[in-house]
Amino acid sequence: MAALDWFSPAAVAPAPAPARPPRRRPAPVAVPAPRRRAAPRRLTGGIAWISVLAVLLAGVVAVNVAVLRVNVGLTNLDKQEQLLQAQNDALASQVSSAGAALKIEATARRLGLVPALGTDTSYIDLGTHAAKP
């Protein structure tokens, strides 16, 4: 046997033909997934939370309005208190002034002093004497 020529057509044997063609698998058919309906519990839960938060917010607003009304009432009472305090101070001053003259007179009587008679009292007009050179 002589050397074998690997590149000659006799050396290269044809590939055996397959007995039957390979079976092709059918392409998979896309089956649409069943549609899911929205869960009603989830939607109702969201509505419930929104309702609860709305009620809480309305409560906060109501409390704020009540506090505002109380503050306005307190401001009015403060103004009225200041006015009454000023009136009380004015009345106390009048009472003090009226009482001071009576106290002075009573102390003077206790010391033996008597009020001067109107006939014994004289007045000097300083304006007429000062004008003379």
Protein backbone atom coordinates (compact mmCIF):
# COMPACT_ATOMS: atom_id res chain seq x y z
CA MET A 1 0.00 0.00 0.00
CA ALA A 2 1.27 3.16 -0.99
CA ALA A 3 0.98 6.49 0.61
CA LEU A 4 -2.39 7.80 0.85
CA ASP A 5 -3.24 11.12 -0.67
CA TRP A 6 -5.54 12.75 1.74
CA PHE A 7 -6.70 15.35 -0.72
CA SER A 8 -7.71 13.04 -3.55
CA PRO A 9 -11.39 12.53 -4.27
CA ALA A 10 -11.08 8.79 -3.75
CA ALA A 11 -9.72 9.28 -0.27
CA VAL A 12 -12.52 11.52 0.75
CA ALA A 13 -15.57 9.39 1.20
CA PRO A 14 -18.90 10.97 0.74
CA ALA A 15 -20.89 11.37 3.92
CA PRO A 16 -23.62 8.85 4.26
CA ALA A 17 -26.99 10.30 3.48
CA PRO A 18 -29.45 10.22 6.29
CA ALA A 19 -32.08 7.61 5.95
CA ARG A 20 -34.86 10.04 6.52
CA PRO A 21 -34.98 13.78 6.92
CA PRO A 22 -34.94 15.04 10.52
CA ARG A 23 -38.32 15.80 11.95
CA ARG A 24 -39.01 19.40 12.53
CA ARG A 25 -40.76 20.22 15.70
CA PRO A 26 -43.81 22.36 15.24
CA ALA A 27 -43.32 25.96 16.36
CA PRO A 28 -44.80 26.54 19.79
CA VAL A 29 -48.13 28.29 19.62
CA ALA A 30 -48.37 31.32 21.88
CA VAL A 31 -51.27 30.76 24.21
CA PRO A 32 -52.55 34.06 25.60
CA ALA A 33 -52.48 34.14 29.38
CA PRO A 34 -55.87 34.52 30.98
CA ARG A 35 -56.62 38.12 31.84
CA ARG A 36 -56.53 38.94 35.48
CA ARG A 37 -59.24 41.12 36.83
CA ALA A 38 -58.35 43.89 39.23
CA ALA A 39 -58.59 42.72 42.78
CA PRO A 40 -61.63 44.48 44.26
CA ARG A 41 -60.23 44.16 47.81
CA ARG A 42 -57.20 46.19 46.89
CA LEU A 43 -59.24 48.96 45.30
CA THR A 44 -61.68 49.06 48.20
CA GLY A 45 -58.78 49.14 50.64
CA GLY A 46 -57.36 52.21 48.90
CA ILE A 47 -60.71 53.96 48.98
CA ALA A 48 -61.07 53.12 52.65
CA TRP A 49 -57.64 54.58 53.47
CA ILE A 50 -58.38 57.72 51.49
CA SER A 51 -61.70 58.09 53.32
CA VAL A 52 -60.03 57.62 56.71
CA LEU A 53 -57.37 60.21 55.88
CA ALA A 54 -60.02 62.66 54.63
CA VAL A 55 -61.98 62.30 57.89
CA LEU A 56 -58.79 62.82 59.93
CA LEU A 57 -57.91 65.90 57.90
CA ALA A 58 -61.40 67.31 58.42
CA GLY A 59 -60.99 66.70 62.16
CA VAL A 60 -57.69 68.59 62.23
CA VAL A 61 -59.28 71.51 60.39
CA ALA A 62 -62.22 71.53 62.83
CA VAL A 63 -59.85 71.60 65.82
CA ASN A 64 -57.87 74.47 64.26
CA VAL A 65 -61.07 76.47 63.72
CA ALA A 66 -62.13 75.86 67.33
CA VAL A 67 -58.73 77.00 68.63
CA LEU A 68 -58.91 80.11 66.44
CA ARG A 69 -62.34 81.00 67.87
CA VAL A 70 -61.07 80.55 71.41
CA ASN A 71 -58.08 82.80 70.66
CA VAL A 72 -60.36 85.52 69.28
CA GLY A 73 -62.50 85.27 72.41
CA LEU A 74 -59.40 85.53 74.63
CA THR A 75 -58.23 88.59 72.73
CA ASN A 76 -61.59 90.27 73.29
CA LEU A 77 -61.47 89.37 77.00
CA ASP A 78 -57.94 90.80 77.27
CA LYS A 79 -59.10 94.09 75.75
CA GLN A 80 -62.07 94.21 78.11
CA GLU A 81 -59.79 93.44 81.09
CA GLN A 82 -57.43 96.30 80.16
CA LEU A 83 -60.37 98.71 79.82
CA LEU A 84 -61.79 97.71 83.21
CA GLN A 85 -58.35 97.96 84.82
CA ALA A 86 -57.96 101.52 83.47
CA GLN A 87 -61.41 102.42 84.82
CA ASN A 88 -60.55 100.93 88.22
CA ASP A 89 -57.30 102.91 88.34
CA ALA A 90 -59.14 106.15 87.52
CA LEU A 91 -61.75 105.47 90.21
CA ALA A 92 -59.06 104.60 92.76
CA SER A 93 -57.31 107.88 91.98
CA GLN A 94 -60.54 109.82 92.52
CA VAL A 95 -61.17 108.05 95.83
CA SER A 96 -57.58 108.71 96.89
CA SER A 97 -57.85 112.41 96.02
CA ALA A 98 -61.15 112.79 97.84
CA GLY A 99 -59.87 110.94 100.88
CA ALA A 100 -56.63 112.89 101.07
CA ALA A 101 -58.38 116.22 101.81
CA LEU A 102 -60.52 114.59 104.50
CA LYS A 103 -57.47 112.97 106.13
CA ILE A 104 -55.60 116.26 106.18
CA GLU A 105 -58.57 118.03 107.76
CA ALA A 106 -59.03 115.29 110.39
CA THR A 107 -55.33 115.35 111.31
CA ALA A 108 -55.40 119.15 111.55
CA ARG A 109 -58.44 119.08 113.92
CA ARG A 110 -56.72 116.44 116.06
CA LEU A 111 -53.72 118.76 116.38
CA GLY A 112 -56.00 121.62 117.45
CA LEU A 113 -56.11 123.54 114.18
CA VAL A 114 -59.35 125.02 112.91
CA PRO A 115 -60.27 126.18 109.42
CA ALA A 116 -59.90 129.89 108.81
CA LEU A 117 -63.01 131.98 108.43
CA GLY A 118 -63.74 133.47 105.02
CA THR A 119 -63.64 137.02 106.41
CA ASP A 120 -60.14 136.54 107.79
CA THR A 121 -58.76 135.41 104.44
CA SER A 122 -57.24 137.95 102.04
CA TYR A 123 -55.58 137.60 98.67
CA ILE A 124 -52.74 139.61 97.18
CA ASP A 125 -52.72 140.40 93.48
CA LEU A 126 -49.05 140.01 92.53
CA GLY A 127 -49.60 141.25 89.00
CA THR A 128 -50.46 144.84 90.04
CA HIS A 129 -47.57 145.30 92.53
CA ALA A 130 -44.93 143.88 90.22
CA ALA A 131 -45.82 146.31 87.40
CA LYS A 132 -44.84 149.41 89.46
CA PRO A 133 -41.24 150.65 89.18
